[in-house]
Amino acid sequence: MTQTAGRAARNINGKVIMYADTITKSMRLTIDETLRRRTKQEEYNKKNGIIPHQVGVKSYNVLGKGYSSEENQATQASYLREDPVIKQMTPEQLKLAAAAAKKKMEEAAAALDFLTAAKARDEMNALKLLFEK
């Protein structure tokens, strides 16, 4: 329960609702631990002048028609084609750049940084479009 409550706490509007007729030992421990952590965090924030706010990350659908759709890959490839560095690269160098993007994607995925992994995947796919044509 503590882990689930902690996960909910990461969202600015996160809430945990516990349903029960009586408060169980595990519920009490979770509530007490959550209050302890919240108090400690609030004291730290006050001491250091920190105002909590939601992290602003542009979101997109990684599994659906996000940046990885064929149309978006073609668009990204056209932007890459205009890049002065990319213009000077040979097909072999483009393949090496795509391999580097693939490695970056795999490392990011292993580190559970899926946003970086998705961006690296999109870059890899766009580079592949450049050297396959």
Protein backbone atom coordinates (compact mmCIF):
# COMPACT_ATOMS: atom_id res chain seq x y z
CA MET A 1 0.00 0.00 0.00
CA THR A 2 2.80 2.40 0.83
CA GLN A 3 4.29 1.92 -2.62
CA THR A 4 0.95 2.63 -4.32
CA ALA A 5 0.40 5.73 -2.18
CA GLY A 6 3.91 6.91 -3.04
CA ARG A 7 3.19 6.49 -6.75
CA ALA A 8 -0.01 8.52 -6.42
CA ALA A 9 1.92 11.24 -4.57
CA ARG A 10 4.06 11.84 -7.64
CA ASN A 11 1.03 13.23 -9.47
CA ILE A 12 0.08 16.77 -8.52
CA ASN A 13 -3.59 15.72 -8.25
CA GLY A 14 -2.88 12.19 -6.97
CA LYS A 15 -5.14 10.73 -4.30
CA VAL A 16 -5.35 7.42 -2.51
CA ILE A 17 -8.78 6.18 -1.49
CA MET A 18 -8.85 3.22 0.88
CA TYR A 19 -12.11 1.32 1.27
CA ALA A 20 -12.66 -0.65 4.47
CA ASP A 21 -15.01 -0.98 7.42
CA THR A 22 -12.11 -0.53 9.83
CA ILE A 23 -8.58 0.79 9.49
CA THR A 24 -6.25 -2.20 9.30
CA LYS A 25 -2.68 -2.30 10.58
CA SER A 26 -1.27 -1.98 7.05
CA MET A 27 -3.57 0.96 6.33
CA ARG A 28 -2.48 2.69 9.55
CA LEU A 29 1.20 2.12 8.71
CA THR A 30 0.69 3.52 5.21
CA ILE A 31 -1.20 6.57 6.47
CA ASP A 32 1.39 7.27 9.18
CA GLU A 33 4.31 6.84 6.78
CA THR A 34 2.66 9.07 4.18
CA LEU A 35 2.08 11.81 6.76
CA ARG A 36 5.67 11.50 8.01
CA ARG A 37 7.05 11.82 4.50
CA ARG A 38 4.73 14.69 3.60
CA THR A 39 5.73 16.62 6.75
CA LYS A 40 9.41 16.06 6.05
CA GLN A 41 9.00 17.16 2.40
CA GLU A 42 7.02 20.27 3.35
CA GLU A 43 9.70 21.27 5.90
CA TYR A 44 12.43 20.78 3.30
CA ASN A 45 10.50 22.79 0.70
CA LYS A 46 9.88 25.63 3.17
CA LYS A 47 13.53 25.68 4.30
CA ASN A 48 14.81 25.80 0.71
CA GLY A 49 12.12 28.04 -0.79
CA ILE A 50 10.80 25.34 -3.11
CA ILE A 51 7.30 25.61 -4.54
CA PRO A 52 6.14 22.23 -5.89
CA HIS A 53 4.88 22.26 -9.46
CA GLN A 54 4.04 19.76 -12.14
CA VAL A 55 6.82 18.94 -14.57
CA GLY A 56 5.93 20.17 -18.04
CA VAL A 57 6.75 17.42 -20.51
CA LYS A 58 5.24 17.35 -23.96
CA SER A 59 3.32 14.12 -24.16
CA TYR A 60 2.52 12.01 -27.16
CA ASN A 61 1.18 8.57 -27.83
CA VAL A 62 4.18 6.25 -27.97
CA LEU A 63 2.12 3.22 -28.95
CA GLY A 64 -0.31 4.78 -31.38
CA LYS A 65 -0.02 7.51 -33.95
CA GLY A 66 2.59 9.45 -32.04
CA TYR A 67 5.85 10.67 -33.47
CA SER A 68 6.63 7.20 -34.81
CA SER A 69 3.89 7.09 -37.45
CA GLU A 70 5.18 6.80 -41.02
CA GLU A 71 4.00 10.31 -41.85
CA ASN A 72 5.83 11.78 -38.88
CA GLN A 73 8.95 9.75 -39.65
CA ALA A 74 8.93 11.13 -43.17
CA THR A 75 8.53 14.66 -41.78
CA GLN A 76 11.41 14.13 -39.38
CA ALA A 77 13.51 12.67 -42.20
CA SER A 78 12.83 15.78 -44.30
CA TYR A 79 14.04 17.98 -41.41
CA LEU A 80 17.14 15.83 -41.08
CA ARG A 81 17.74 16.12 -44.84
CA GLU A 82 17.96 19.90 -44.42
CA ASP A 83 20.49 19.62 -41.58
CA PRO A 84 23.89 20.81 -42.91
CA VAL A 85 25.73 18.04 -41.05
CA ILE A 86 23.38 15.34 -42.35
CA LYS A 87 23.75 16.68 -45.91
CA GLN A 88 27.48 15.97 -45.74
CA MET A 89 27.08 12.41 -44.45
CA THR A 90 27.59 9.35 -46.65
CA PRO A 91 25.08 6.48 -46.56
CA GLU A 92 27.56 4.55 -44.40
CA GLN A 93 27.78 7.43 -41.94
CA LEU A 94 23.98 7.61 -41.84
CA LYS A 95 23.90 3.89 -41.00
CA LEU A 96 26.39 4.49 -38.18
CA ALA A 97 24.27 7.39 -36.88
CA ALA A 98 21.17 5.16 -36.97
CA ALA A 99 23.07 2.46 -35.06
CA ALA A 100 24.11 5.05 -32.46
CA ALA A 101 20.47 6.17 -32.12
CA LYS A 102 19.43 2.53 -31.70
CA LYS A 103 22.02 2.06 -28.95
CA LYS A 104 20.81 5.24 -27.23
CA MET A 105 17.21 3.97 -27.50
CA GLU A 106 18.10 0.61 -25.95
CA GLU A 107 20.08 2.22 -23.12
CA ALA A 108 17.26 4.64 -22.36
CA ALA A 109 14.70 1.82 -22.39
CA ALA A 110 16.88 -0.25 -20.05
CA ALA A 111 17.05 2.78 -17.72
CA LEU A 112 13.22 3.06 -17.98
CA ASP A 113 13.54 6.49 -19.63
CA PHE A 114 10.87 5.79 -22.21
CA LEU A 115 10.51 9.37 -23.45
CA THR A 116 14.19 9.50 -24.43
CA ALA A 117 13.91 5.97 -25.85
CA ALA A 118 10.96 6.99 -28.04
CA LYS A 119 12.79 10.07 -29.33
CA ALA A 120 15.88 7.99 -30.13
CA ARG A 121 13.67 5.43 -31.90
CA ASP A 122 12.12 8.17 -34.01
CA GLU A 123 15.56 9.55 -34.89
CA MET A 124 16.77 6.05 -35.80
CA ASN A 125 13.75 5.44 -38.05
CA ALA A 126 14.15 8.82 -39.76
CA LEU A 127 17.84 8.14 -40.40
CA LYS A 128 16.95 4.74 -41.85
CA LEU A 129 14.56 6.45 -44.26
CA LEU A 130 17.41 8.68 -45.43
CA PHE A 131 19.90 5.93 -46.23
CA GLU A 132 17.36 3.46 -47.61
CA LYS A 133 16.29 5.89 -50.35
